[in-house]
Protein backbone atom coordinates (compact mmCIF):
# COMPACT_ATOMS: atom_id res chain seq x y z
CA UNK A 1 116.31 38.45 79.99
CA UNK A 2 115.82 42.40 80.15
CA UNK A 3 116.66 44.14 77.04
CA UNK A 4 116.61 47.86 76.21
CA UNK A 5 114.66 48.62 72.96
CA UNK A 6 116.33 52.05 72.77
CA UNK A 7 119.75 51.30 73.43
CA UNK A 8 121.51 52.86 70.62
CA UNK A 9 118.96 55.13 69.37
CA UNK A 10 120.44 58.70 68.55
CA UNK A 11 117.51 60.57 69.26
CA UNK A 12 115.92 62.04 72.47
CA UNK A 13 113.74 59.07 74.25
CA UNK A 14 113.48 57.19 77.20
CA UNK A 15 114.62 53.70 77.64
CA UNK A 16 112.18 51.27 76.76
CA UNK A 17 112.61 47.65 78.62
CA UNK A 18 111.51 44.27 76.86
CA UNK A 19 111.54 41.76 79.72
CA UNK A 20 111.22 38.28 78.40
CA UNK A 21 109.62 35.51 80.26
CA UNK A 22 106.15 34.01 81.25
CA UNK A 23 104.42 37.19 80.99
CA UNK A 24 106.41 39.35 78.49
CA UNK A 25 106.02 42.85 79.39
CA UNK A 26 107.42 46.51 77.89
CA UNK A 27 108.21 48.70 80.61
CA UNK A 28 107.80 52.47 78.96
CA UNK A 29 107.48 52.69 75.24
CA UNK A 30 110.19 55.33 74.40
CA UNK A 31 109.43 57.63 71.95
CA UNK A 32 111.27 58.88 68.46
CA UNK A 33 112.41 55.50 67.35
CA UNK A 34 110.35 52.36 65.68
CA UNK A 35 109.58 50.53 68.99
CA UNK A 36 107.54 48.01 66.77
CA UNK A 37 110.66 47.06 64.64
CA UNK A 38 112.47 47.05 67.70
CA UNK A 39 110.40 44.57 69.57
CA UNK A 40 110.26 42.41 66.23
CA UNK A 41 113.99 42.13 66.24
CA UNK A 42 113.93 40.42 69.18
CA UNK A 43 111.04 38.15 68.61
CA UNK A 44 109.11 38.67 71.80
CA UNK A 45 105.72 39.95 71.82
CA UNK A 46 104.65 42.03 75.13
CA UNK A 47 101.45 40.86 76.61
CA UNK A 48 101.23 44.08 78.44
CA UNK A 49 102.98 47.55 78.64
CA UNK A 50 103.47 48.92 82.35
CA UNK A 51 104.24 52.84 81.95
CA UNK A 52 106.30 54.10 85.11
CA UNK A 53 104.88 57.83 84.32
CA UNK A 54 103.29 59.69 81.38
CA UNK A 55 105.72 62.14 80.34
CA UNK A 56 105.71 61.88 76.17
CA UNK A 57 109.68 60.60 76.22
CA UNK A 58 107.77 57.59 77.85
CA UNK A 59 104.74 56.81 75.98
CA UNK A 60 105.33 58.42 72.69
CA UNK A 61 105.55 54.94 70.76
CA UNK A 62 102.38 53.47 72.80
CA UNK A 63 100.06 54.28 69.91
CA UNK A 64 101.97 52.26 67.36
CA UNK A 65 102.89 49.58 69.98
CA UNK A 66 99.24 49.28 70.85
CA UNK A 67 98.26 48.91 67.19
CA UNK A 68 101.04 46.15 66.31
CA UNK A 69 100.66 44.24 69.13
CA UNK A 70 97.59 44.90 71.24
CA UNK A 71 98.63 44.44 74.60
CA UNK A 72 97.34 45.46 77.95
CA UNK A 73 98.48 48.77 79.17
CA UNK A 74 98.84 49.70 82.41
CA UNK A 75 99.57 52.94 84.31
CA UNK A 76 98.84 54.81 87.74
CA UNK A 77 97.41 57.29 85.75
CA UNK A 78 93.91 55.54 85.20
CA UNK A 79 93.05 57.23 81.97
CA UNK A 80 96.56 56.40 80.18
CA UNK A 81 95.68 52.88 80.00
CA UNK A 82 93.66 49.79 80.20
CA UNK A 83 94.06 49.45 84.13
CA UNK A 84 95.27 51.48 86.87
CA UNK A 85 98.40 50.21 88.84
CA UNK A 86 98.05 50.61 92.93
CA UNK A 87 100.78 51.14 95.24
CA UNK A 88 101.58 48.07 96.71
CA UNK A 89 100.25 46.11 94.17
CA UNK A 90 101.78 42.65 92.79
CA UNK A 91 102.53 42.64 89.31
CA UNK A 92 103.79 39.66 86.95
CA UNK A 93 106.45 40.81 84.80
CA UNK A 94 108.60 38.33 82.88
CA UNK A 95 109.16 35.48 85.34
CA UNK A 96 109.03 37.74 88.72
CA UNK A 97 106.37 39.33 90.84
CA UNK A 98 107.28 43.08 90.90
CA UNK A 99 105.75 45.65 93.61
CA UNK A 100 104.52 48.62 92.31
CA UNK A 101 105.83 51.74 94.46
CA UNK A 102 104.24 54.90 94.19
CA UNK A 103 107.03 57.43 94.00
CA UNK A 104 105.85 60.92 92.99
CA UNK A 105 107.95 64.09 92.75
CA UNK A 106 109.08 63.84 89.11
CA UNK A 107 105.35 63.48 87.87
CA UNK A 108 102.09 62.97 90.13
CA UNK A 109 101.52 59.62 88.22
CA UNK A 110 104.90 58.08 88.73
CA UNK A 111 105.60 54.59 89.77
CA UNK A 112 108.85 52.33 90.37
CA UNK A 113 108.53 48.60 90.16
CA UNK A 114 110.84 46.21 92.23
CA UNK A 115 111.20 42.72 92.29
CA UNK A 116 112.82 41.50 95.88
CA UNK A 117 113.73 37.93 95.02
CA UNK A 118 115.86 38.61 91.90
CA UNK A 119 116.80 42.17 93.32
CA UNK A 120 115.42 44.16 90.24
CA UNK A 121 113.98 47.86 89.86
CA UNK A 122 112.71 49.72 87.19
CA UNK A 123 112.94 53.30 88.48
CA UNK A 124 111.52 55.28 85.60
CA UNK A 125 112.83 59.23 86.34
CA UNK A 126 112.98 58.82 89.99
CA UNK A 127 116.80 58.05 89.65
CA UNK A 128 119.80 57.42 87.14
CA UNK A 129 123.29 56.66 87.32
CA UNK A 130 124.48 60.11 88.38
CA UNK A 131 121.22 61.76 89.15
CA UNK A 132 117.62 62.42 89.69
CA UNK A 133 114.68 63.20 87.86
CA UNK A 134 113.47 67.01 87.00
CA UNK A 135 111.37 68.67 89.21
CA UNK A 136 111.08 71.97 87.43
CA UNK A 137 108.34 70.25 84.87
CA UNK A 138 104.80 70.44 85.65
CA UNK A 139 103.66 68.28 88.55
CA UNK A 140 107.42 68.34 89.71
CA UNK A 141 108.23 68.91 93.46
CA UNK A 142 111.79 68.38 94.73
CA UNK A 143 110.72 67.76 98.15
CA UNK A 144 108.34 65.05 97.39
CA UNK A 145 110.89 63.56 94.99
CA UNK A 146 113.39 63.23 98.08
CA UNK A 147 110.54 61.11 100.03
CA UNK A 148 109.99 59.25 97.05
CA UNK A 149 113.93 58.32 96.51
CA UNK A 150 114.15 57.29 100.67
CA UNK A 151 111.05 55.33 100.15
CA UNK A 152 112.55 53.36 97.52
CA UNK A 153 116.07 53.12 99.15
CA UNK A 154 114.47 51.79 102.19
CA UNK A 155 112.49 49.15 100.40
CA UNK A 156 115.12 47.76 98.22
CA UNK A 157 118.10 47.84 100.58
CA UNK A 158 121.38 46.27 100.06
CA UNK A 159 119.49 43.41 97.98
CA UNK A 160 119.36 45.23 94.77
CA UNK A 161 121.19 43.48 92.06
CA UNK A 162 119.70 45.70 88.84
CA UNK A 163 118.73 49.27 88.66
CA UNK A 164 117.13 50.25 85.26
CA UNK A 165 116.44 53.86 85.25
CA UNK A 166 114.23 55.58 82.58
CA UNK A 167 117.38 57.19 80.97
CA UNK A 168 120.96 56.41 80.67
CA UNK A 169 122.77 53.11 81.36
CA UNK A 170 121.34 50.26 83.67
CA UNK A 171 123.00 49.92 86.97
CA UNK A 172 124.67 46.72 88.29
CA UNK A 173 127.47 47.85 90.14
CA UNK A 174 126.45 49.24 93.68
CA UNK A 175 122.90 49.98 92.22
CA UNK A 176 121.54 50.69 95.93
CA UNK A 177 124.47 53.25 96.20
CA UNK A 178 123.19 54.98 93.24
CA UNK A 179 119.85 55.33 94.95
CA UNK A 180 121.71 56.83 98.07
CA UNK A 181 123.66 59.11 95.72
CA UNK A 182 120.47 60.32 94.22
CA UNK A 183 118.82 61.17 97.11
CA UNK A 184 121.97 63.04 98.65
CA UNK A 185 122.15 64.87 95.45
CA UNK A 186 118.44 65.84 95.61
CA UNK A 187 118.80 67.33 98.88
CA UNK A 188 121.39 69.88 97.68
């Protein structure tokens, strides 16, 4: 089960996905809302937090969550957590193994997480339901973002069933098409 802790929050934040299962994990922490209370409401304590990247809207609740639950924190940026994520690494999240895909362009430390068997992808700020991540921020680069979108599209192919972006709704209706559309839009 995947639950978005930020669902219904009326302030600017990223999505924060709590994944239940054998290895309860929070993908991104969101910001500007009480994430600890949201976790407690669901009754699933995360053993680890995986960061798709380190923009403030994705890590703003990290301190409070660390204090409340003492989870292991993993990120591509070695200074952002307790352990460093590597491109191609297999990582247990919930009940599935996810592949870490290094996908810079929005930010230099950006990763996506993809589980081939259930067809689930956490896309961070690489792609959204009707768009793609900003490249006008420090470390942003449009050409690199397009390469990363292409890499993700090639990796997930038509077997993708769920796309969970860093902002906006999750996509279950043609998520592969959503990634392809984001790539076309980013090229314009």
